[in-house]
C-alpha atoms as a PDB file:
ATOM      1  CA  MET A   1     118.542 -32.201  94.199  1.00  0.00           C
ATOM      2  CA  VAL A   2     116.021 -31.799  91.378  1.00  0.00           C
ATOM      3  CA  VAL A   3     112.762 -29.884  91.808  1.00  0.00           C
ATOM      4  CA  GLY A   4     109.929 -30.138  89.315  1.00  0.00           C
ATOM      5  CA  THR A   5     106.938 -27.827  89.222  1.00  0.00           C
ATOM      6  CA  LEU A   6     103.728 -28.056  87.271  1.00  0.00           C
ATOM      7  CA  ILE A   7     101.174 -25.248  87.060  1.00  0.00           C
ATOM      8  CA  VAL A   8      97.848 -26.335  85.576  1.00  0.00           C
ATOM      9  CA  LYS A   9      95.006 -23.954  84.732  1.00  0.00           C
ATOM     10  CA  LEU A  10      91.641 -25.692  84.837  1.00  0.00           C
ATOM     11  CA  SER A  11      88.402 -24.598  83.216  1.00  0.00           C
ATOM     12  CA  LEU A  12      85.402 -25.726  85.247  1.00  0.00           C
ATOM     13  CA  GLY A  13      82.409 -25.751  82.912  1.00  0.00           C
ATOM     14  CA  ASP A  14      79.002 -25.955  84.593  1.00  0.00           C
ATOM     15  CA  ILE A  15      79.826 -24.479  87.983  1.00  0.00           C
ATOM     16  CA  PHE A  16      77.225 -22.237  89.602  1.00  0.00           C
ATOM     17  CA  SER A  17      78.915 -21.283  92.867  1.00  0.00           C
ATOM     18  CA  LEU A  18      82.291 -21.061  94.561  1.00  0.00           C
ATOM     19  CA  LYS A  19      81.135 -23.872  96.841  1.00  0.00           C
ATOM     20  CA  ASP A  20      80.785 -26.203  93.833  1.00  0.00           C
ATOM     21  CA  LYS A  21      84.220 -25.146  92.594  1.00  0.00           C
ATOM     22  CA  ARG A  22      85.864 -25.718  95.971  1.00  0.00           C
ATOM     23  CA  GLN A  23      84.309 -29.182  96.182  1.00  0.00           C
ATOM     24  CA  ILE A  24      85.854 -30.192  92.860  1.00  0.00           C
ATOM     25  CA  VAL A  25      89.239 -28.591  93.571  1.00  0.00           C
ATOM     26  CA  LYS A  26      89.447 -30.142  97.039  1.00  0.00           C
ATOM     27  CA  SER A  27      88.582 -33.551  95.588  1.00  0.00           C
ATOM     28  CA  VAL A  28      91.231 -33.233  92.859  1.00  0.00           C
ATOM     29  CA  ILE A  29      93.873 -32.181  95.380  1.00  0.00           C
ATOM     30  CA  GLU A  30      93.081 -35.007  97.817  1.00  0.00           C
ATOM     31  CA  ARG A  31      92.923 -37.689  95.103  1.00  0.00           C
ATOM     32  CA  THR A  32      96.239 -36.513  93.649  1.00  0.00           C
ATOM     33  CA  LYS A  33      97.927 -36.420  97.083  1.00  0.00           C
ATOM     34  CA  ASN A  34      96.706 -39.936  97.842  1.00  0.00           C
ATOM     35  CA  ARG A  35      97.912 -41.349  94.532  1.00  0.00           C
ATOM     36  CA  PHE A  36     101.245 -39.554  94.026  1.00  0.00           C
ATOM     37  CA  ASN A  37     104.045 -38.391  96.308  1.00  0.00           C
ATOM     38  CA  VAL A  38     103.755 -34.698  95.362  1.00  0.00           C
ATOM     39  CA  SER A  39     102.847 -31.406  96.985  1.00  0.00           C
ATOM     40  CA  ILE A  40      99.735 -29.831  95.478  1.00  0.00           C
ATOM     41  CA  ALA A  41      97.616 -26.746  96.200  1.00  0.00           C
ATOM     42  CA  GLU A  42      95.293 -24.247  94.553  1.00  0.00           C
ATOM     43  CA  VAL A  43      97.631 -21.315  93.905  1.00  0.00           C
ATOM     44  CA  ASP A  44      95.578 -18.690  92.028  1.00  0.00           C
ATOM     45  CA  GLN A  45      92.062 -17.683  90.933  1.00  0.00           C
ATOM     46  CA  GLN A  46      90.521 -18.790  94.248  1.00  0.00           C
ATOM     47  CA  ASP A  47      87.590 -16.377  93.912  1.00  0.00           C
ATOM     48  CA  VAL A  48      86.810 -17.071  90.236  1.00  0.00           C
ATOM     49  CA  LYS A  49      83.988 -19.598  89.802  1.00  0.00           C
ATOM     50  CA  ARG A  50      84.888 -21.278  86.537  1.00  0.00           C
ATOM     51  CA  CYS A  51      88.666 -21.272  86.720  1.00  0.00           C
ATOM     52  CA  ALA A  52      91.218 -22.883  89.036  1.00  0.00           C
ATOM     53  CA  VAL A  53      95.010 -22.857  89.029  1.00  0.00           C
ATOM     54  CA  ILE A  54      96.693 -25.847  90.643  1.00  0.00           C
ATOM     55  CA  GLY A  55     100.392 -25.941  91.550  1.00  0.00           C
ATOM     56  CA  ILE A  56     102.222 -29.248  91.888  1.00  0.00           C
ATOM     57  CA  ALA A  57     105.806 -29.839  93.068  1.00  0.00           C
ATOM     58  CA  CYS A  58     108.005 -32.914  93.198  1.00  0.00           C
ATOM     59  CA  VAL A  59     111.538 -33.269  94.620  1.00  0.00           C
ATOM     60  CA  SER A  60     113.994 -36.071  93.877  1.00  0.00           C
ATOM     61  CA  ASN A  61     117.622 -36.793  93.115  1.00  0.00           C
ATOM     62  CA  SER A  62     116.713 -37.867  89.554  1.00  0.00           C
ATOM     63  CA  SER A  63     115.438 -35.510  86.866  1.00  0.00           C
ATOM     64  CA  GLN A  64     113.954 -38.465  84.946  1.00  0.00           C
ATOM     65  CA  PHE A  65     111.918 -39.482  87.995  1.00  0.00           C
ATOM     66  CA  VAL A  66     110.622 -35.935  88.515  1.00  0.00           C
ATOM     67  CA  ASP A  67     109.728 -35.565  84.835  1.00  0.00           C
ATOM     68  CA  ARG A  68     107.930 -38.925  84.763  1.00  0.00           C
ATOM     69  CA  GLN A  69     106.087 -38.238  88.033  1.00  0.00           C
ATOM     70  CA  LEU A  70     104.780 -34.887  86.775  1.00  0.00           C
ATOM     71  CA  ASP A  71     103.717 -36.527  83.487  1.00  0.00           C
ATOM     72  CA  LEU A  72     101.781 -39.162  85.443  1.00  0.00           C
ATOM     73  CA  VAL A  73     100.068 -36.464  87.524  1.00  0.00           C
ATOM     74  CA  LEU A  74      99.145 -34.590  84.348  1.00  0.00           C
ATOM     75  CA  ASP A  75      97.730 -37.776  82.771  1.00  0.00           C
ATOM     76  CA  PHE A  76      95.727 -38.360  85.961  1.00  0.00           C
ATOM     77  CA  LEU A  77      94.296 -34.825  85.824  1.00  0.00           C
ATOM     78  CA  GLU A  78      93.490 -35.104  82.100  1.00  0.00           C
ATOM     79  CA  ALA A  79      91.503 -38.290  82.760  1.00  0.00           C
ATOM     80  CA  ASP A  80      89.170 -36.431  85.162  1.00  0.00           C
ATOM     81  CA  GLY A  81      86.061 -35.412  83.233  1.00  0.00           C
ATOM     82  CA  ARG A  82      84.910 -32.624  85.571  1.00  0.00           C
ATOM     83  CA  PHE A  83      87.115 -29.955  83.987  1.00  0.00           C
ATOM     84  CA  ALA A  84      89.209 -29.104  80.944  1.00  0.00           C
ATOM     85  CA  ILE A  85      92.890 -28.218  81.124  1.00  0.00           C
ATOM     86  CA  GLU A  86      93.462 -24.800  79.555  1.00  0.00           C
ATOM     87  CA  GLU A  87      97.148 -24.203  80.201  1.00  0.00           C
ATOM     88  CA  ILE A  88     100.175 -26.158  81.444  1.00  0.00           C
ATOM     89  CA  CYS A  89     103.529 -24.822  82.629  1.00  0.00           C
ATOM     90  CA  LYS A  90     106.117 -27.467  83.537  1.00  0.00           C
ATOM     91  CA  GLU A  91     109.601 -26.712  84.854  1.00  0.00           C
ATOM     92  CA  ILE A  92     112.426 -28.920  86.057  1.00  0.00           C
ATOM     93  CA  LEU A  93     114.977 -27.013  88.149  1.00  0.00           C
END
């Protein structure tokens, strides 16, 4: 069994309230869940307006599949213009 994890730190530019932030984060999580077979959640910085940390996990019997799936998720997130990606931590276990 191969487990891949991806931690992505997002910088949310013109956000004025936690409500605005939660709207964007919830949308990103739902769109990612609907498009890819991964687990995803906001894992840190929940009370910081202009920053979000998203954790993504994928399990498979193939390390190549896990690596490719996480790359596709990252490409999907990078294509979203509502935030900038500040930091990425990817691990295949």
